[in-house]
């Protein structure tokens, strides 16, 4: 990739609205259910000044909605404890010093730690931003050491309530997350099958399909327990999605059928039953009895070693450094301008940092636009909210719902609701000057976005190229292992399935790493051709494993492979691009 391409800052499409998330209403309703009771209780007691501490725990309800309930329980518990830890550091620091420079410095360091840990543990949305908002705002709350235990207890109590809210849907739909992930994989596979091997947009659609299937497998594996009949039925559906990835033109992977299965997974209805590929039962399935088939390789996948959190933290060091430096400089700049709430600039900078500089720029544009529009919305709502404390609470709840309902369409649209909500929360303790609040919010947003982006450009991520090299090596080795097993006359079924799953994971990681590295600045040229060759050969090897396991008739698969080779152009064949 040329230097000019890497340095282009996109504007077109940055504010374009996408389709809402399939479960947009779940985090929206959950956070309202978590925030409303504590706030209404404080309203009845006349102690809305404590709402900052109860909301710290309630906002934990935003996390973990895509995870199976067993995994969600662990994640939510970790988020609550992490929130309480950051809040404790902030409140103790605020009680010991009023030096704004020290407070901003502490906030920047915590923001970097929260960014690194959330990325290393793959926490998922809203990632570190909510935790950074809680800890940074608390740094500037008047505090004494004697008050800290009580405020932490409030946060932990509402955090426990948020945990219960997050787990409650499992009583009605214990397999809801796994069903949704499988449905998304089937829909993605159907979209790929509809290309029928066409060259235009084919590779990108295949990568998206592979990523969705891999995510669905990870969702099933995250449950941790031995798979029961329901999970085995979902596993069979995922195998059908993998068949579509291997041979989209095959009649057994009709896109309409895949989409019909995906629709049947909605709600709590019966999971569609698909026939097991008995023609090659010894190669993929171990039949314990007629009703109890288990996909081999899934247990091997559960035992497959994954990179430790410590290893991932080391790889994320440049992003953590960006966050620390950018947040600190944004806070200092806000102080220099005389803004009374420098933590707003700090949080703005923390919210920008994505996988690379190009994505960081896009998030910065979205943040500024959303906050400016949100300030105008606050100007319209402020007179209504000041009619009565109950109106203030209800307005904040409505904005909380709106933020989570809209943010999946585009970050800036969610920010339109987040901004007035944050401004209204400042009035829980005492009435504020609306004009002053609006001016400071806009100033801090602009300062935080500008300084944060400059820090992202200045703090280079040279490791992006190294990580891509490691991902390439891992993908090539995974392909070679699968190819060696395919060359054996009778490979062990579990070994072949484990190799197939490892190769699929390596290819998904390679695409994600390549996308992140392509938007990074100040690095050596990326091995784009090697990435393309690794992906093409890897996907063909995956298709070969599926054929070997008996899912795709050999003649149809060979015809499909010939069609793919023809789609690449007259000058390139399978032999041309084989490593």
Protein backbone atom coordinates (compact mmCIF):
# COMPACT_ATOMS: atom_id res chain seq x y z
CA UNK A 1 0.00 0.00 0.00
CA UNK A 2 1.37 3.37 -0.92
CA UNK A 3 2.09 6.12 1.57
CA UNK A 4 -0.53 8.35 -0.03
CA UNK A 5 -3.20 5.74 0.45
CA UNK A 6 -2.32 5.25 4.10
CA UNK A 7 -2.49 8.99 4.76
CA UNK A 8 -5.89 9.64 3.20
CA UNK A 9 -8.42 10.74 5.82
CA UNK A 10 -11.92 9.64 4.79
CA UNK A 11 -14.94 11.91 5.03
CA UNK A 12 -17.40 10.24 2.69
CA UNK A 13 -19.43 7.66 4.56
CA UNK A 14 -18.18 8.58 8.05
CA UNK A 15 -21.65 9.82 9.05
CA UNK A 16 -23.63 7.32 6.96
CA UNK A 17 -26.24 5.45 8.94
CA UNK A 18 -26.07 1.67 8.95
CA UNK A 19 -28.61 -0.96 9.81
CA UNK A 20 -29.49 -1.17 13.50
CA UNK A 21 -28.11 -4.06 15.50
CA UNK A 22 -30.27 -7.15 15.68
CA UNK A 23 -30.47 -6.70 19.45
CA UNK A 24 -30.42 -2.89 19.67
CA UNK A 25 -33.31 -2.95 22.13
CA UNK A 26 -31.61 -5.31 24.60
CA UNK A 27 -28.87 -2.98 25.90
CA UNK A 28 -31.31 -0.04 25.64
CA UNK A 29 -33.95 -1.72 27.80
CA UNK A 30 -31.38 -3.25 30.14
CA UNK A 31 -29.71 0.04 30.99
CA UNK A 32 -33.08 1.74 31.59
CA UNK A 33 -34.10 -1.13 33.89
CA UNK A 34 -30.78 -0.84 35.71
CA UNK A 35 -30.79 2.97 36.03
CA UNK A 36 -34.45 3.72 36.74
CA UNK A 37 -35.06 2.06 40.15
CA UNK A 38 -31.98 3.53 41.90
CA UNK A 39 -32.63 6.99 40.47
CA UNK A 40 -36.30 6.91 41.41
CA UNK A 41 -35.40 5.81 44.93
CA UNK A 42 -32.90 8.67 45.22
CA UNK A 43 -35.56 11.04 43.88
CA UNK A 44 -38.00 9.90 46.57
CA UNK A 45 -35.32 10.38 49.23
CA UNK A 46 -34.31 13.77 47.90
CA UNK A 47 -30.71 12.59 47.32
CA UNK A 48 -30.21 12.89 43.56
CA UNK A 49 -26.74 14.20 44.37
CA UNK A 50 -25.75 10.53 44.86
CA UNK A 51 -26.92 9.53 41.39
CA UNK A 52 -23.39 9.67 39.99
CA UNK A 53 -22.40 6.72 42.18
CA UNK A 54 -25.51 4.65 41.52
CA UNK A 55 -25.24 5.25 37.77
CA UNK A 56 -21.65 4.02 37.88
CA UNK A 57 -22.95 0.57 38.79
CA UNK A 58 -26.09 0.73 36.66
CA UNK A 59 -24.17 1.43 33.45
CA UNK A 60 -22.49 -1.97 33.78
CA UNK A 61 -25.75 -3.34 32.33
CA UNK A 62 -24.53 -2.20 28.90
CA UNK A 63 -22.00 -5.03 28.64
CA UNK A 64 -22.04 -8.65 27.53
CA UNK A 65 -25.27 -8.81 25.53
CA UNK A 66 -23.74 -10.92 22.75
CA UNK A 67 -22.27 -13.52 25.09
CA UNK A 68 -23.81 -16.81 26.24
CA UNK A 69 -25.13 -16.52 29.76
CA UNK A 70 -22.41 -18.58 31.41
CA UNK A 71 -19.77 -16.32 29.87
CA UNK A 72 -21.90 -13.22 30.44
CA UNK A 73 -22.01 -13.90 34.16
CA UNK A 74 -18.21 -13.83 34.32
CA UNK A 75 -17.87 -10.79 32.08
CA UNK A 76 -20.45 -8.72 33.94
CA UNK A 77 -18.86 -9.62 37.27
CA UNK A 78 -15.48 -8.52 35.92
CA UNK A 79 -16.95 -5.25 34.62
CA UNK A 80 -18.57 -4.49 37.98
CA UNK A 81 -15.34 -5.18 39.85
CA UNK A 82 -13.34 -3.17 37.31
CA UNK A 83 -15.77 -0.28 37.63
CA UNK A 84 -15.52 -0.40 41.42
CA UNK A 85 -11.72 -0.51 41.28
CA UNK A 86 -11.48 2.52 38.99
CA UNK A 87 -14.06 4.40 41.04
CA UNK A 88 -12.15 3.68 44.23
CA UNK A 89 -8.90 5.03 42.80
CA UNK A 90 -10.70 8.14 41.54
CA UNK A 91 -12.53 8.89 44.78
CA UNK A 92 -9.48 8.32 46.97
CA UNK A 93 -7.38 10.53 44.70
CA UNK A 94 -10.05 13.24 44.71
CA UNK A 95 -10.16 13.14 48.50
CA UNK A 96 -6.38 13.50 48.81
CA UNK A 97 -5.71 16.29 46.31
CA UNK A 98 -7.45 19.04 44.44
CA UNK A 99 -4.60 19.68 42.02
CA UNK A 100 -6.25 19.53 38.59
CA UNK A 101 -3.01 18.56 36.83
CA UNK A 102 -2.58 15.57 39.13
CA UNK A 103 -6.20 14.57 38.65
CA UNK A 104 -5.92 14.72 34.86
CA UNK A 105 -2.70 12.68 34.97
CA UNK A 106 -4.30 9.99 37.11
CA UNK A 107 -7.33 9.95 34.82
CA UNK A 108 -5.14 9.55 31.72
CA UNK A 109 -3.24 6.62 33.23
CA UNK A 110 -6.47 4.90 34.24
CA UNK A 111 -7.91 5.48 30.77
CA UNK A 112 -4.87 3.77 29.22
CA UNK A 113 -5.17 0.80 31.59
CA UNK A 114 -8.89 0.49 30.90
CA UNK A 115 -8.28 0.66 27.14
CA UNK A 116 -5.58 -2.01 27.24
CA UNK A 117 -7.51 -4.39 29.47
CA UNK A 118 -10.78 -4.07 27.55
CA UNK A 119 -9.01 -4.72 24.24
CA UNK A 120 -6.89 -7.57 25.61
CA UNK A 121 -9.91 -9.32 27.10
CA UNK A 122 -12.04 -8.52 24.01
CA UNK A 123 -14.66 -7.00 26.26
CA UNK A 124 -16.82 -5.73 23.42
CA UNK A 125 -18.97 -2.60 23.23
CA UNK A 126 -19.03 -0.12 24.88
CA UNK A 127 -15.48 -1.22 25.74
CA UNK A 128 -13.47 1.17 27.89
CA UNK A 129 -15.41 4.37 27.19
CA UNK A 130 -18.08 4.00 29.89
CA UNK A 131 -15.54 2.91 32.49
CA UNK A 132 -13.31 5.86 31.62
CA UNK A 133 -16.24 8.26 31.86
CA UNK A 134 -17.10 6.95 35.33
CA UNK A 135 -13.56 7.10 36.71
CA UNK A 136 -12.69 10.45 35.09
CA UNK A 137 -15.86 12.23 36.22
CA UNK A 138 -15.38 10.90 39.75
CA UNK A 139 -11.92 12.45 39.93
CA UNK A 140 -13.50 15.90 39.93
CA UNK A 141 -16.29 15.15 42.44
CA UNK A 142 -15.77 16.82 45.85
CA UNK A 143 -14.89 14.00 48.21
CA UNK A 144 -13.56 13.11 51.66
CA UNK A 145 -11.98 9.81 52.66
CA UNK A 146 -14.83 9.12 55.03
CA UNK A 147 -17.37 9.29 52.21
CA UNK A 148 -15.54 6.88 49.91
CA UNK A 149 -16.74 3.56 51.43
CA UNK A 150 -20.39 4.59 51.27
CA UNK A 151 -20.13 5.77 47.67
CA UNK A 152 -18.35 2.58 46.63
CA UNK A 153 -21.05 0.55 48.37
CA UNK A 154 -23.72 2.36 46.35
CA UNK A 155 -21.87 1.60 43.12
CA UNK A 156 -21.43 -2.07 44.03
CA UNK A 157 -25.09 -2.42 45.02
CA UNK A 158 -26.33 -1.01 41.72
CA UNK A 159 -23.62 -2.98 39.88
CA UNK A 160 -25.09 -6.14 41.42
CA UNK A 161 -28.52 -5.03 40.25
CA UNK A 162 -27.11 -4.49 36.75
CA UNK A 163 -25.65 -8.02 36.86
CA UNK A 164 -29.09 -9.40 37.67
CA UNK A 165 -30.66 -7.38 34.85
CA UNK A 166 -28.09 -8.71 32.39
CA UNK A 167 -28.67 -12.32 33.42
CA UNK A 168 -32.47 -12.19 33.72
CA UNK A 169 -33.28 -12.93 30.03
CA UNK A 170 -31.53 -16.28 30.43
CA UNK A 171 -34.51 -17.50 32.44
CA UNK A 172 -36.69 -17.26 29.32
CA UNK A 173 -34.16 -17.77 26.51
CA UNK A 174 -31.19 -19.71 27.89
CA UNK A 175 -29.74 -20.18 24.39
CA UNK A 176 -30.66 -16.77 22.99
CA UNK A 177 -27.10 -15.49 22.30
CA UNK A 178 -25.99 -18.75 20.68
CA UNK A 179 -29.11 -18.83 18.49
CA UNK A 180 -28.54 -15.23 17.36
CA UNK A 181 -24.88 -15.87 16.55
CA UNK A 182 -25.78 -18.96 14.54
CA UNK A 183 -28.50 -17.06 12.67
CA UNK A 184 -26.02 -14.30 11.79
CA UNK A 185 -23.58 -16.92 10.49
CA UNK A 186 -26.29 -18.52 8.34
CA UNK A 187 -27.30 -15.15 6.90
CA UNK A 188 -23.68 -14.27 6.16
CA UNK A 189 -23.15 -17.64 4.50
CA UNK A 190 -26.30 -17.08 2.44
CA UNK A 191 -24.96 -13.71 1.27
CA UNK A 192 -21.74 -15.42 0.17
CA UNK A 193 -23.58 -18.29 -1.50
CA UNK A 194 -25.57 -15.76 -3.52
CA UNK A 195 -22.34 -14.57 -5.16
CA UNK A 196 -21.97 -18.04 -6.75
CA UNK A 197 -18.23 -17.47 -6.95
CA UNK A 198 -18.51 -14.10 -8.71
CA UNK A 199 -15.26 -12.14 -8.64
CA UNK A 200 -16.80 -8.74 -7.89
CA UNK A 201 -17.02 -8.35 -4.11
CA UNK A 202 -16.44 -12.09 -3.70
CA UNK A 203 -13.39 -11.97 -1.41
CA UNK A 204 -14.85 -9.39 0.96
CA UNK A 205 -18.13 -11.29 1.29
CA UNK A 206 -16.24 -14.52 1.91
CA UNK A 207 -14.17 -12.88 4.65
CA UNK A 208 -17.31 -11.50 6.30
CA UNK A 209 -18.95 -14.92 6.14
CA UNK A 210 -15.89 -16.62 7.61
CA UNK A 211 -15.77 -14.07 10.44
CA UNK A 212 -19.46 -14.56 11.26
CA UNK A 213 -19.09 -18.34 11.31
CA UNK A 214 -16.00 -18.12 13.49
CA UNK A 215 -17.80 -15.75 15.88
CA UNK A 216 -20.70 -18.18 16.13
CA UNK A 217 -18.37 -21.06 16.95
CA UNK A 218 -16.72 -18.92 19.62
CA UNK A 219 -20.13 -18.15 21.07
CA UNK A 220 -20.90 -21.86 21.38
CA UNK A 221 -17.47 -22.60 22.82
CA UNK A 222 -17.73 -19.75 25.34
CA UNK A 223 -20.57 -21.55 27.10
CA UNK A 224 -17.92 -23.82 28.60
CA UNK A 225 -20.13 -26.78 29.50
CA UNK A 226 -20.36 -30.05 27.61
CA UNK A 227 -22.60 -29.41 24.59
CA UNK A 228 -26.17 -30.63 25.06
CA UNK A 229 -28.70 -31.50 22.38
CA UNK A 230 -29.55 -27.84 21.68
CA UNK A 231 -25.96 -26.80 21.16
CA UNK A 232 -25.27 -29.83 18.99
CA UNK A 233 -28.21 -28.82 16.79
CA UNK A 234 -26.73 -25.34 16.49
CA UNK A 235 -23.34 -26.86 15.67
CA UNK A 236 -24.87 -28.80 12.78
CA UNK A 237 -26.34 -25.59 11.41
CA UNK A 238 -22.93 -23.94 11.62
CA UNK A 239 -21.47 -26.84 9.68
CA UNK A 240 -24.02 -26.11 6.97
CA UNK A 241 -22.85 -22.51 6.94
CA UNK A 242 -19.30 -23.77 6.51
CA UNK A 243 -20.47 -25.89 3.59
CA UNK A 244 -21.79 -22.73 1.94
CA UNK A 245 -18.40 -21.12 2.48
CA UNK A 246 -16.67 -24.09 0.88
CA UNK A 247 -19.03 -24.49 -2.09
CA UNK A 248 -21.50 -21.62 -2.54
CA UNK A 249 -22.79 -22.99 -5.86
CA UNK A 250 -23.76 -26.37 -4.42
CA UNK A 251 -27.50 -27.07 -4.40
CA UNK A 252 -27.29 -28.23 -0.76
CA UNK A 253 -26.37 -24.69 0.29
CA UNK A 254 -29.32 -22.86 -1.22
CA UNK A 255 -29.28 -19.28 0.19
CA UNK A 256 -33.06 -19.32 0.68
CA UNK A 257 -32.75 -22.42 2.83
CA UNK A 258 -29.97 -20.88 4.91
CA UNK A 259 -32.02 -17.73 5.48
CA UNK A 260 -35.08 -19.80 6.38
CA UNK A 261 -33.06 -21.63 9.04
CA UNK A 262 -31.84 -18.27 10.35
CA UNK A 263 -35.42 -17.00 10.67
CA UNK A 264 -36.45 -20.14 12.54
CA UNK A 265 -33.78 -19.45 15.15
CA UNK A 266 -35.50 -16.25 16.21
CA UNK A 267 -37.56 -16.36 19.35
CA UNK A 268 -37.91 -19.52 21.39
CA UNK A 269 -39.23 -21.87 18.72
CA UNK A 270 -37.81 -25.24 17.87
CA UNK A 271 -34.34 -25.26 16.37
CA UNK A 272 -34.47 -26.49 12.77
CA UNK A 273 -33.22 -30.04 12.41
CA UNK A 274 -30.77 -30.75 9.63
CA UNK A 275 -29.58 -34.13 8.54
CA UNK A 276 -26.13 -35.16 9.65
CA UNK A 277 -23.76 -35.98 6.78
CA UNK A 278 -23.73 -39.70 7.47
CA UNK A 279 -21.83 -40.40 4.28
CA UNK A 280 -18.67 -39.46 6.12
CA UNK A 281 -19.70 -40.05 9.70
CA UNK A 282 -16.38 -41.62 10.59
CA UNK A 283 -14.49 -38.60 9.34
CA UNK A 284 -16.38 -35.94 11.25
CA UNK A 285 -19.03 -37.32 13.57
CA UNK A 286 -18.79 -39.74 16.45
CA UNK A 287 -22.14 -41.47 16.94
CA UNK A 288 -22.69 -42.40 20.57
CA UNK A 289 -26.22 -43.43 19.71
CA UNK A 290 -28.90 -42.59 17.16
CA UNK A 291 -30.00 -39.48 19.07
CA UNK A 292 -26.64 -38.32 20.43
CA UNK A 293 -24.22 -37.25 17.70
CA UNK A 294 -21.36 -35.02 18.69
CA UNK A 295 -19.23 -32.97 16.35
CA UNK A 296 -15.62 -33.98 16.80
CA UNK A 297 -13.09 -31.22 17.10
CA UNK A 298 -15.27 -28.99 19.26
CA UNK A 299 -13.79 -30.43 22.43
CA UNK A 300 -10.36 -30.06 20.86
CA UNK A 301 -11.20 -26.43 20.14
CA UNK A 302 -12.12 -25.90 23.79
CA UNK A 303 -8.74 -27.30 24.78
CA UNK A 304 -6.87 -25.41 22.06
CA UNK A 305 -4.42 -22.94 23.67
CA UNK A 306 -5.19 -19.28 23.03
CA UNK A 307 -2.94 -16.25 23.43
CA UNK A 308 -2.91 -15.17 27.05
CA UNK A 309 -4.26 -11.81 28.17
CA UNK A 310 -0.69 -10.89 29.10
CA UNK A 311 0.48 -11.57 25.54
CA UNK A 312 -2.36 -9.51 24.10
CA UNK A 313 -1.60 -6.67 26.54
CA UNK A 314 1.99 -6.53 25.29
CA UNK A 315 0.77 -6.29 21.69
CA UNK A 316 -1.54 -3.42 22.67
CA UNK A 317 1.19 -1.32 24.29
CA UNK A 318 1.24 1.31 21.48
CA UNK A 319 -2.52 1.85 21.74
CA UNK A 320 -2.25 2.18 25.52
CA UNK A 321 0.54 4.73 25.11
CA UNK A 322 -1.57 6.70 22.65
CA UNK A 323 -4.46 6.72 25.09
CA UNK A 324 -2.37 7.84 28.05
CA UNK A 325 -0.58 10.61 26.16
CA UNK A 326 -3.63 11.77 24.22
CA UNK A 327 -5.91 11.87 27.27
CA UNK A 328 -3.32 13.68 29.38
CA UNK A 329 -2.62 16.30 26.73
CA UNK A 330 -6.33 16.81 26.07
CA UNK A 331 -6.96 17.37 29.79
CA UNK A 332 -4.03 19.74 30.11
CA UNK A 333 -5.19 21.73 27.08
CA UNK A 334 -8.67 22.00 28.57
CA UNK A 335 -7.19 23.28 31.83
CA UNK A 336 -5.12 25.83 29.93
CA UNK A 337 -8.30 27.14 28.30
CA UNK A 338 -9.92 27.51 31.70
CA UNK A 339 -12.66 24.94 31.14
CA UNK A 340 -14.17 23.79 34.41
CA UNK A 341 -14.60 20.12 33.46
CA UNK A 342 -11.38 18.87 31.84
CA UNK A 343 -12.53 15.28 32.21
CA UNK A 344 -14.86 15.86 29.26
CA UNK A 345 -11.84 16.48 27.02
CA UNK A 346 -10.11 13.45 28.54
CA UNK A 347 -13.07 11.17 27.86
CA UNK A 348 -13.41 12.52 24.32
CA UNK A 349 -9.78 11.62 23.60
CA UNK A 350 -10.23 8.17 25.18
CA UNK A 351 -13.29 7.48 23.04
CA UNK A 352 -11.41 8.13 19.79
CA UNK A 353 -8.78 5.42 19.86
CA UNK A 354 -9.63 2.56 17.55
CA UNK A 355 -7.53 -0.14 15.90
CA UNK A 356 -5.65 2.33 13.68
CA UNK A 357 -5.25 6.02 12.86
CA UNK A 358 -7.76 6.02 10.00
CA UNK A 359 -10.52 4.59 12.19
CA UNK A 360 -9.51 6.99 14.97
CA UNK A 361 -10.02 9.90 12.58
CA UNK A 362 -13.46 8.63 11.63
CA UNK A 363 -14.46 8.27 15.28
CA UNK A 364 -13.22 11.81 15.96
CA UNK A 365 -15.45 13.26 13.24
CA UNK A 366 -18.41 11.26 14.54
CA UNK A 367 -17.77 12.37 18.11
CA UNK A 368 -17.58 16.07 17.25
CA UNK A 369 -20.69 16.03 15.06
CA UNK A 370 -22.71 14.01 17.56
CA UNK A 371 -21.73 16.18 20.51
CA UNK A 372 -22.48 19.45 18.74
CA UNK A 373 -25.93 18.24 17.71
CA UNK A 374 -26.41 16.82 21.21
CA UNK A 375 -25.68 20.20 22.77
CA UNK A 376 -28.44 21.71 20.66
CA UNK A 377 -30.79 18.96 21.84
CA UNK A 378 -29.84 19.77 25.44
CA UNK A 379 -30.77 23.42 24.84
CA UNK A 380 -34.24 22.27 23.80
CA UNK A 381 -34.69 19.83 26.70
CA UNK A 382 -33.23 21.91 29.54
CA UNK A 383 -36.38 24.00 30.16
CA UNK A 384 -38.51 20.85 30.34
CA UNK A 385 -36.09 19.03 32.63
CA UNK A 386 -36.04 21.96 35.07
CA UNK A 387 -39.77 21.90 35.66
CA UNK A 388 -39.39 19.24 38.38
CA UNK A 389 -36.73 16.77 39.58
CA UNK A 390 -38.92 13.94 38.31
CA UNK A 391 -38.89 15.49 34.84
CA UNK A 392 -35.10 15.66 35.05
CA UNK A 393 -34.87 11.95 35.88
CA UNK A 394 -37.34 10.95 33.16
CA UNK A 395 -35.53 13.01 30.51
CA UNK A 396 -32.23 11.37 31.46
CA UNK A 397 -33.81 7.92 31.24
CA UNK A 398 -35.30 8.65 27.82
CA UNK A 399 -31.94 9.86 26.54
CA UNK A 400 -30.22 6.79 27.97
CA UNK A 401 -32.60 4.56 26.03
CA UNK A 402 -32.16 6.63 22.87
CA UNK A 403 -28.39 6.50 23.06
CA UNK A 404 -28.25 2.72 23.17
CA UNK A 405 -31.03 2.32 20.60
CA UNK A 406 -29.29 4.54 18.05
CA UNK A 407 -25.57 4.04 18.58
CA UNK A 408 -25.44 0.81 16.59
CA UNK A 409 -26.52 2.72 13.46
CA UNK A 410 -23.62 5.14 13.78
CA UNK A 411 -21.59 6.39 16.71
CA UNK A 412 -22.46 10.03 16.06
CA UNK A 413 -26.19 9.32 16.22
CA UNK A 414 -25.83 7.72 19.64
CA UNK A 415 -23.71 10.67 20.79
CA UNK A 416 -26.63 12.98 20.02
CA UNK A 417 -28.39 11.40 23.01
CA UNK A 418 -25.33 10.71 25.17
CA UNK A 419 -24.32 14.38 25.24
CA UNK A 420 -27.54 15.86 26.65
CA UNK A 421 -27.81 12.92 29.05
CA UNK A 422 -24.34 13.68 30.46
CA UNK A 423 -25.22 17.37 30.73
CA UNK A 424 -28.46 16.61 32.56
CA UNK A 425 -26.67 14.30 35.00
CA UNK A 426 -24.52 17.25 36.12
CA UNK A 427 -27.75 18.90 37.29
CA UNK A 428 -28.66 16.03 39.61
CA UNK A 429 -26.51 17.56 42.32
CA UNK A 430 -27.33 21.24 41.68
CA UNK A 431 -28.69 23.50 38.96
CA UNK A 432 -26.13 24.60 36.39
CA UNK A 433 -25.88 27.49 33.96
CA UNK A 434 -27.06 25.95 30.64
CA UNK A 435 -25.07 28.35 28.46
CA UNK A 436 -21.90 27.63 30.42
CA UNK A 437 -22.48 23.88 30.25
CA UNK A 438 -23.01 23.99 26.50
CA UNK A 439 -19.96 26.15 25.85
CA UNK A 440 -17.69 23.98 27.96
CA UNK A 441 -18.99 20.79 26.38
CA UNK A 442 -18.35 21.99 22.83
CA UNK A 443 -14.92 23.36 23.76
CA UNK A 444 -13.87 20.15 25.50
CA UNK A 445 -15.14 18.03 22.62
CA UNK A 446 -13.17 19.97 20.02
CA UNK A 447 -10.04 20.11 22.17
CA UNK A 448 -10.24 16.43 23.06
CA UNK A 449 -10.79 15.36 19.46
CA UNK A 450 -7.99 17.51 18.03
CA UNK A 451 -5.40 16.74 20.68
CA UNK A 452 -6.38 13.07 20.80
CA UNK A 453 -5.97 12.67 17.05
CA UNK A 454 -2.62 14.48 17.03
CA UNK A 455 -1.42 12.07 19.71
CA UNK A 456 -2.62 9.12 17.61
CA UNK A 457 -0.56 10.37 14.67
CA UNK A 458 2.49 11.19 16.80
CA UNK A 459 2.59 7.91 18.75
CA UNK A 460 3.33 5.41 16.01
CA UNK A 461 2.26 1.80 16.10
CA UNK A 462 5.18 0.07 14.44
CA UNK A 463 3.97 -3.22 15.86
CA UNK A 464 1.02 -3.27 13.46
CA UNK A 465 3.30 -4.59 10.71
CA UNK A 466 4.88 -7.09 13.09
CA UNK A 467 1.47 -8.38 14.17
CA UNK A 468 0.49 -8.79 10.54
CA UNK A 469 3.65 -10.80 9.95
CA UNK A 470 2.86 -13.05 12.90
CA UNK A 471 -0.73 -13.49 11.70
CA UNK A 472 0.53 -14.41 8.23
CA UNK A 473 2.93 -16.98 9.64
CA UNK A 474 0.20 -18.46 11.83
CA UNK A 475 -2.22 -18.73 8.90
CA UNK A 476 0.40 -20.35 6.66
CA UNK A 477 1.36 -22.87 9.32
CA UNK A 478 -2.29 -23.70 10.00
CA UNK A 479 -2.83 -24.26 6.28
CA UNK A 480 0.24 -26.47 6.06
CA UNK A 481 -0.94 -28.57 8.99
CA UNK A 482 -4.37 -29.04 7.41
CA UNK A 483 -2.75 -29.85 4.05
CA UNK A 484 -0.53 -32.52 5.66
CA UNK A 485 -3.56 -34.18 7.22
CA UNK A 486 -5.40 -34.08 3.90
CA UNK A 487 -2.46 -35.87 2.29
CA UNK A 488 -2.81 -38.79 4.70
CA UNK A 489 -4.93 -41.74 3.55
CA UNK A 490 -6.94 -41.91 6.77
CA UNK A 491 -6.39 -38.88 9.01
CA UNK A 492 -7.77 -38.98 12.54
CA UNK A 493 -11.23 -37.37 12.48
CA UNK A 494 -10.64 -35.17 15.51
CA UNK A 495 -7.25 -34.06 14.20
CA UNK A 496 -8.68 -33.02 10.83
CA UNK A 497 -11.56 -31.17 12.45
CA UNK A 498 -9.21 -29.44 14.89
CA UNK A 499 -6.92 -28.41 12.03
CA UNK A 500 -9.88 -27.08 10.07
CA UNK A 501 -11.07 -24.99 13.00
CA UNK A 502 -7.56 -23.68 13.70
CA UNK A 503 -7.16 -22.66 10.06
CA UNK A 504 -10.53 -20.91 10.04
CA UNK A 505 -9.58 -18.95 13.17
CA UNK A 506 -6.18 -18.05 11.72
CA UNK A 507 -7.74 -16.71 8.51
CA UNK A 508 -10.24 -14.58 10.43
CA UNK A 509 -7.43 -13.19 12.58
CA UNK A 510 -5.34 -12.53 9.48
CA UNK A 511 -8.11 -10.48 7.84
CA UNK A 512 -8.75 -8.47 11.01
CA UNK A 513 -5.04 -7.81 11.51
CA UNK A 514 -4.56 -6.81 7.86
CA UNK A 515 -7.50 -4.40 8.02
CA UNK A 516 -6.11 -2.81 11.18
CA UNK A 517 -2.60 -2.51 9.79
CA UNK A 518 -3.79 -1.01 6.49
CA UNK A 519 -5.14 2.05 8.31
CA UNK A 520 -2.01 2.64 10.38
CA UNK A 521 0.52 5.37 9.56
CA UNK A 522 4.30 5.61 9.55
CA UNK A 523 5.17 1.99 8.92
CA UNK A 524 6.90 -0.06 6.30
CA UNK A 525 5.02 -1.33 3.26
CA UNK A 526 2.60 -4.13 4.02
CA UNK A 527 2.92 -7.56 2.33
CA UNK A 528 -0.43 -7.23 0.61
CA UNK A 529 0.22 -9.83 -2.08
CA UNK A 530 1.31 -12.36 0.52
CA UNK A 531 -1.87 -11.69 2.51
CA UNK A 532 -4.03 -12.25 -0.58
CA UNK A 533 -2.23 -15.47 -1.45
CA UNK A 534 -2.46 -16.75 2.12
CA UNK A 535 -6.19 -16.06 2.22
CA UNK A 536 -6.88 -17.66 -1.15
CA UNK A 537 -4.87 -20.80 -0.47
CA UNK A 538 -6.23 -21.01 3.07
CA UNK A 539 -9.84 -20.87 1.95
CA UNK A 540 -9.21 -23.51 -0.71
CA UNK A 541 -7.68 -25.75 1.92
CA UNK A 542 -10.70 -25.18 4.14
CA UNK A 543 -12.94 -26.20 1.27
CA UNK A 544 -10.82 -29.32 0.78
CA UNK A 545 -11.26 -30.31 4.43
CA UNK A 546 -15.02 -29.91 4.12
CA UNK A 547 -15.00 -32.13 1.02
CA UNK A 548 -12.80 -34.68 2.78
CA UNK A 549 -15.25 -34.76 5.66
CA UNK A 550 -18.01 -35.67 3.23
CA UNK A 551 -20.16 -32.54 3.18
CA UNK A 552 -19.70 -31.48 -0.45
CA UNK A 553 -19.81 -33.88 -3.40
CA UNK A 554 -16.37 -33.91 -4.99
CA UNK A 555 -17.52 -33.17 -8.54
CA UNK A 556 -19.54 -30.16 -7.52
CA UNK A 557 -16.71 -28.85 -5.36
CA UNK A 558 -14.21 -29.17 -8.18
CA UNK A 559 -16.56 -27.33 -10.51
CA UNK A 560 -16.96 -24.59 -7.92
CA UNK A 561 -13.19 -24.28 -7.48
CA UNK A 562 -12.75 -23.98 -11.24
CA UNK A 563 -15.36 -21.22 -11.27
CA UNK A 564 -13.49 -19.34 -8.54
CA UNK A 565 -10.22 -19.63 -10.45
CA UNK A 566 -11.90 -18.32 -13.60
CA UNK A 567 -13.26 -15.37 -11.59
CA UNK A 568 -9.74 -14.35 -10.64
CA UNK A 569 -8.76 -13.67 -14.20
CA UNK A 570 -7.11 -15.47 -17.10
CA UNK A 571 -3.59 -15.00 -15.81
CA UNK A 572 -3.98 -16.71 -12.44
CA UNK A 573 -4.77 -20.32 -11.62
CA UNK A 574 -4.72 -22.45 -8.54
CA UNK A 575 -1.13 -23.41 -9.16
CA UNK A 576 -0.12 -19.79 -9.70
CA UNK A 577 -1.13 -18.75 -6.19
CA UNK A 578 -0.35 -21.87 -4.21
CA UNK A 579 2.39 -21.19 -1.62
